[in-house]
C-alpha atoms as a PDB file:
ATOM      1  CA  MET A   1      92.886  96.295 215.258  1.00  0.00           C
ATOM      2  CA  GLU A   2      94.437 100.002 214.906  1.00  0.00           C
ATOM      3  CA  ASP A   3      97.600  98.468 214.520  1.00  0.00           C
ATOM      4  CA  PHE A   4      96.628  96.728 211.354  1.00  0.00           C
ATOM      5  CA  SER A   5      94.539  99.967 209.648  1.00  0.00           C
ATOM      6  CA  GLN A   6      97.701 101.491 210.230  1.00  0.00           C
ATOM      7  CA  LYS A   7     100.172  99.217 208.797  1.00  0.00           C
ATOM      8  CA  MET A   8      97.917  99.101 205.405  1.00  0.00           C
ATOM      9  CA  LEU A   9      97.834 102.689 205.304  1.00  0.00           C
ATOM     10  CA  GLU A  10     101.858 102.869 205.865  1.00  0.00           C
ATOM     11  CA  ASP A  11     102.091 100.187 203.025  1.00  0.00           C
ATOM     12  CA  SER A  12      99.789 101.986 200.806  1.00  0.00           C
ATOM     13  CA  GLY A  13     101.921 105.038 201.185  1.00  0.00           C
ATOM     14  CA  LYS A  14     104.791 103.403 200.858  1.00  0.00           C
ATOM     15  CA  LEU A  15     103.750 101.801 197.175  1.00  0.00           C
ATOM     16  CA  LYS A  16     103.021 104.915 196.641  1.00  0.00           C
ATOM     17  CA  THR A  17     106.192 106.374 196.708  1.00  0.00           C
ATOM     18  CA  ARG A  18     107.812 104.124 195.146  1.00  0.00           C
ATOM     19  CA  CYS A  19     105.551 104.227 192.021  1.00  0.00           C
ATOM     20  CA  ALA A  20     106.346 107.840 192.254  1.00  0.00           C
ATOM     21  CA  GLY A  21     110.119 106.913 192.124  1.00  0.00           C
ATOM     22  CA  LEU A  22     109.878 104.800 189.354  1.00  0.00           C
ATOM     23  CA  ASN A  23     107.713 107.521 187.503  1.00  0.00           C
ATOM     24  CA  THR A  24     110.520 110.087 188.305  1.00  0.00           C
ATOM     25  CA  GLU A  25     113.082 107.655 187.203  1.00  0.00           C
ATOM     26  CA  ILE A  26     111.500 106.660 183.882  1.00  0.00           C
ATOM     27  CA  ASN A  27     111.030 110.386 183.485  1.00  0.00           C
ATOM     28  CA  ARG A  28     114.898 111.301 183.954  1.00  0.00           C
ATOM     29  CA  LEU A  29     115.607 108.600 181.445  1.00  0.00           C
ATOM     30  CA  LEU A  30     113.070 109.439 178.687  1.00  0.00           C
ATOM     31  CA  GLU A  31     115.025 113.259 179.116  1.00  0.00           C
ATOM     32  CA  ALA A  32     118.567 111.387 178.676  1.00  0.00           C
ATOM     33  CA  HIS A  33     117.340 110.085 175.372  1.00  0.00           C
ATOM     34  CA  LYS A  34     115.374 112.914 173.912  1.00  0.00           C
ATOM     35  CA  ALA A  35     119.253 114.228 173.762  1.00  0.00           C
ATOM     36  CA  LEU A  36     121.250 111.847 172.078  1.00  0.00           C
ATOM     37  CA  PRO A  37     121.967 111.948 168.288  1.00  0.00           C
ATOM     38  CA  PRO A  38     119.496 109.573 166.296  1.00  0.00           C
ATOM     39  CA  ASP A  39     122.533 107.424 165.527  1.00  0.00           C
ATOM     40  CA  LYS A  40     122.940 106.517 169.328  1.00  0.00           C
ATOM     41  CA  LYS A  41     119.071 106.620 169.370  1.00  0.00           C
ATOM     42  CA  ARG A  42     119.115 103.404 166.771  1.00  0.00           C
ATOM     43  CA  ASN A  43     121.695 101.468 168.290  1.00  0.00           C
ATOM     44  CA  GLU A  44     120.289 101.693 171.682  1.00  0.00           C
ATOM     45  CA  TYR A  45     116.502 101.217 169.850  1.00  0.00           C
ATOM     46  CA  ASN A  46     116.100  97.262 170.490  1.00  0.00           C
ATOM     47  CA  ARG A  47     117.650  97.267 174.399  1.00  0.00           C
ATOM     48  CA  MET A  48     115.219 100.375 175.365  1.00  0.00           C
ATOM     49  CA  MET A  49     112.417  99.138 173.662  1.00  0.00           C
ATOM     50  CA  ASN A  50     112.986  95.611 175.779  1.00  0.00           C
ATOM     51  CA  ILE A  51     113.318  97.768 179.054  1.00  0.00           C
ATOM     52  CA  ILE A  52     110.208  99.619 177.740  1.00  0.00           C
ATOM     53  CA  ASP A  53     108.246  96.252 177.521  1.00  0.00           C
ATOM     54  CA  ASN A  54     109.376  94.995 180.851  1.00  0.00           C
ATOM     55  CA  LYS A  55     108.460  98.363 182.730  1.00  0.00           C
ATOM     56  CA  MET A  56     105.187  98.175 180.825  1.00  0.00           C
ATOM     57  CA  ASN A  57     104.690  94.961 182.069  1.00  0.00           C
ATOM     58  CA  GLU A  58     105.450  95.183 185.416  1.00  0.00           C
ATOM     59  CA  SER A  59     103.323  98.140 185.087  1.00  0.00           C
ATOM     60  CA  ASN A  60     100.593  96.219 184.258  1.00  0.00           C
ATOM     61  CA  ARG A  61     100.582  93.494 186.288  1.00  0.00           C
ATOM     62  CA  GLU A  62     101.144  95.444 189.545  1.00  0.00           C
ATOM     63  CA  ILE A  63      97.854  97.266 189.029  1.00  0.00           C
ATOM     64  CA  THR A  64      95.883  94.381 187.832  1.00  0.00           C
ATOM     65  CA  TYR A  65      96.989  93.121 190.791  1.00  0.00           C
ATOM     66  CA  LEU A  66      96.173  96.285 193.010  1.00  0.00           C
ATOM     67  CA  VAL A  67      92.636  96.279 191.581  1.00  0.00           C
ATOM     68  CA  THR A  68      92.146  92.938 192.378  1.00  0.00           C
ATOM     69  CA  SER A  69      93.527  93.366 196.353  1.00  0.00           C
ATOM     70  CA  GLN A  70      91.392  97.074 196.170  1.00  0.00           C
ATOM     71  CA  LYS A  71      88.152  95.349 195.694  1.00  0.00           C
ATOM     72  CA  GLU A  72      88.535  92.235 197.931  1.00  0.00           C
ATOM     73  CA  ILE A  73      89.543  94.980 200.707  1.00  0.00           C
ATOM     74  CA  ASN A  74      86.871  96.732 199.961  1.00  0.00           C
ATOM     75  CA  LYS A  75      84.348  93.830 200.285  1.00  0.00           C
ATOM     76  CA  ASN A  76      86.100  92.608 203.386  1.00  0.00           C
ATOM     77  CA  ILE A  77      85.725  95.662 204.724  1.00  0.00           C
ATOM     78  CA  SER A  78      82.415  96.079 204.018  1.00  0.00           C
ATOM     79  CA  ASP A  79      81.425  92.240 205.045  1.00  0.00           C
ATOM     80  CA  THR A  80      83.262  93.565 208.478  1.00  0.00           C
ATOM     81  CA  ILE A  81      81.178  96.706 209.002  1.00  0.00           C
ATOM     82  CA  ASP A  82      78.059  94.486 208.344  1.00  0.00           C
ATOM     83  CA  CYS A  83      78.917  91.822 210.968  1.00  0.00           C
ATOM     84  CA  TYR A  84      80.430  94.693 214.126  1.00  0.00           C
ATOM     85  CA  ASN A  85      76.523  96.445 212.723  1.00  0.00           C
ATOM     86  CA  LYS A  86      74.893  92.517 213.662  1.00  0.00           C
ATOM     87  CA  ILE A  87      76.933  92.842 216.635  1.00  0.00           C
ATOM     88  CA  GLY A  88      75.264  95.781 217.810  1.00  0.00           C
ATOM     89  CA  GLU A  89      71.868  94.664 216.953  1.00  0.00           C
ATOM     90  CA  VAL A  90      72.475  91.585 219.387  1.00  0.00           C
ATOM     91  CA  LEU A  91      73.986  93.947 221.789  1.00  0.00           C
ATOM     92  CA  GLN A  92      70.417  95.898 221.829  1.00  0.00           C
ATOM     93  CA  ASN A  93      68.249  92.785 222.398  1.00  0.00           C
ATOM     94  CA  PHE A  94      70.389  92.035 224.932  1.00  0.00           C
ATOM     95  CA  ILE A  95      69.582  95.492 226.712  1.00  0.00           C
ATOM     96  CA  LYS A  96      65.791  94.976 225.753  1.00  0.00           C
ATOM     97  CA  LEU A  97      66.048  91.340 227.267  1.00  0.00           C
ATOM     98  CA  TYR A  98      67.667  92.717 230.800  1.00  0.00           C
ATOM     99  CA  ASN A  99      65.833  96.258 230.732  1.00  0.00           C
ATOM    100  CA  THR A 100      62.145  94.324 230.504  1.00  0.00           C
ATOM    101  CA  ALA A 101      63.167  91.089 232.762  1.00  0.00           C
ATOM    102  CA  ARG A 102      61.843  91.116 236.523  1.00  0.00           C
ATOM    103  CA  VAL A 103      63.843  91.925 239.227  1.00  0.00           C
ATOM    104  CA  GLY A 104      63.986  89.514 242.095  1.00  0.00           C
ATOM    105  CA  THR A 105      62.222  89.967 245.352  1.00  0.00           C
ATOM    106  CA  LEU A 106      63.167  91.050 248.344  1.00  0.00           C
ATOM    107  CA  GLU A 107      63.240  87.096 249.434  1.00  0.00           C
ATOM    108  CA  GLY A 108      64.630  85.754 246.134  1.00  0.00           C
ATOM    109  CA  LEU A 109      67.168  88.407 246.905  1.00  0.00           C
ATOM    110  CA  SER A 110      67.846  87.112 250.375  1.00  0.00           C
ATOM    111  CA  ARG A 111      67.619  83.598 249.499  1.00  0.00           C
ATOM    112  CA  GLN A 112      70.554  84.417 246.778  1.00  0.00           C
ATOM    113  CA  ALA A 113      72.777  86.320 249.434  1.00  0.00           C
ATOM    114  CA  VAL A 114      72.081  82.950 251.588  1.00  0.00           C
ATOM    115  CA  ARG A 115      73.641  80.825 248.919  1.00  0.00           C
ATOM    116  CA  ASN A 116      76.442  82.959 247.774  1.00  0.00           C
ATOM    117  CA  TYR A 117      77.928  83.397 250.966  1.00  0.00           C
ATOM    118  CA  LYS A 118      77.368  80.158 252.703  1.00  0.00           C
ATOM    119  CA  ILE A 119      75.318  81.603 255.701  1.00  0.00           C
ATOM    120  CA  PRO A 120      74.845  78.951 258.133  1.00  0.00           C
ATOM    121  CA  ALA A 121      71.140  78.756 258.779  1.00  0.00           C
ATOM    122  CA  ASN A 122      71.832  79.884 263.062  1.00  0.00           C
ATOM    123  CA  ASP A 123      68.802  81.843 263.217  1.00  0.00           C
ATOM    124  CA  SER A 124      64.999  81.634 262.633  1.00  0.00           C
ATOM    125  CA  MET A 125      65.269  84.178 259.845  1.00  0.00           C
ATOM    126  CA  THR A 126      67.719  82.371 257.913  1.00  0.00           C
ATOM    127  CA  ALA A 127      65.972  78.906 258.190  1.00  0.00           C
ATOM    128  CA  GLU A 128      62.808  80.858 257.123  1.00  0.00           C
ATOM    129  CA  ILE A 129      64.741  81.801 254.380  1.00  0.00           C
ATOM    130  CA  LEU A 130      65.751  78.523 253.207  1.00  0.00           C
ATOM    131  CA  THR A 131      63.027  76.426 254.028  1.00  0.00           C
ATOM    132  CA  GLN A 132      60.006  78.383 251.677  1.00  0.00           C
ATOM    133  CA  GLN A 133      59.026  77.136 248.840  1.00  0.00           C
ATOM    134  CA  TYR A 134      59.890  79.803 245.866  1.00  0.00           C
ATOM    135  CA  THR A 135      60.235  80.080 242.267  1.00  0.00           C
ATOM    136  CA  GLU A 136      61.219  83.579 241.070  1.00  0.00           C
ATOM    137  CA  PRO A 137      59.547  84.671 238.121  1.00  0.00           C
ATOM    138  CA  SER A 138      61.577  85.761 234.981  1.00  0.00           C
ATOM    139  CA  GLY A 139      60.510  87.197 232.006  1.00  0.00           C
ATOM    140  CA  GLY A 140      58.716  90.532 231.625  1.00  0.00           C
ATOM    141  CA  LYS A 141      55.325  91.992 232.675  1.00  0.00           C
ATOM    142  CA  LYS A 142      52.318  90.720 231.011  1.00  0.00           C
ATOM    143  CA  SER A 143      49.876  93.238 230.168  1.00  0.00           C
ATOM    144  CA  LYS A 144      46.748  93.390 231.512  1.00  0.00           C
ATOM    145  CA  LYS A 145      45.271  93.750 228.141  1.00  0.00           C
ATOM    146  CA  ARG A 146      46.898  90.213 227.481  1.00  0.00           C
ATOM    147  CA  ARG A 147      45.685  88.785 230.487  1.00  0.00           C
ATOM    148  CA  VAL A 148      41.543  90.028 230.206  1.00  0.00           C
ATOM    149  CA  GLN A 149      41.697  88.532 226.782  1.00  0.00           C
ATOM    150  CA  LYS A 150      43.043  84.650 228.120  1.00  0.00           C
ATOM    151  CA  LYS A 151      40.418  84.709 230.455  1.00  0.00           C
ATOM    152  CA  ARG A 152      37.755  85.495 227.825  1.00  0.00           C
ATOM    153  CA  THR A 153      39.050  82.489 225.111  1.00  0.00           C
ATOM    154  CA  ARG A 154      39.316  80.941 228.077  1.00  0.00           C
ATOM    155  CA  SER A 155      36.172  80.954 229.303  1.00  0.00           C
ATOM    156  CA  HIS A 156      34.419  80.464 225.874  1.00  0.00           C
ATOM    157  CA  LYS A 157      36.041  76.929 225.192  1.00  0.00           C
END
């Protein structure tokens, strides 16, 4: 990502330098033509007006392109920032989910270790762990207030 930003920064610097060079060249040309005698200025009029028209058109096209590009780049940057903010929100939801999740009991963790490490049921303890009927709870704790309210509504029906 930094490579892209760095390249965009370098390219904009090159564009600025190119424009400054063109400006210097046109100013130098203007100063040279100011020094010409009137008869040479009249003879050069058509050629210089064509050059000026071409440079003005080129400059206007470049400005239009840059303004359009700048708007599009700014929109893309804004959309990208929004996207990263949404990713941050989703990650915060993951944090909330895992911070409120119930931790497995010692029995559940033992059963998981026996399965993961493929421990054979040679001794009575391992066999006992594997034969127990057990479903591990999922989700966070339920509040006492919710349980009491639920109990009240059930008994009235």
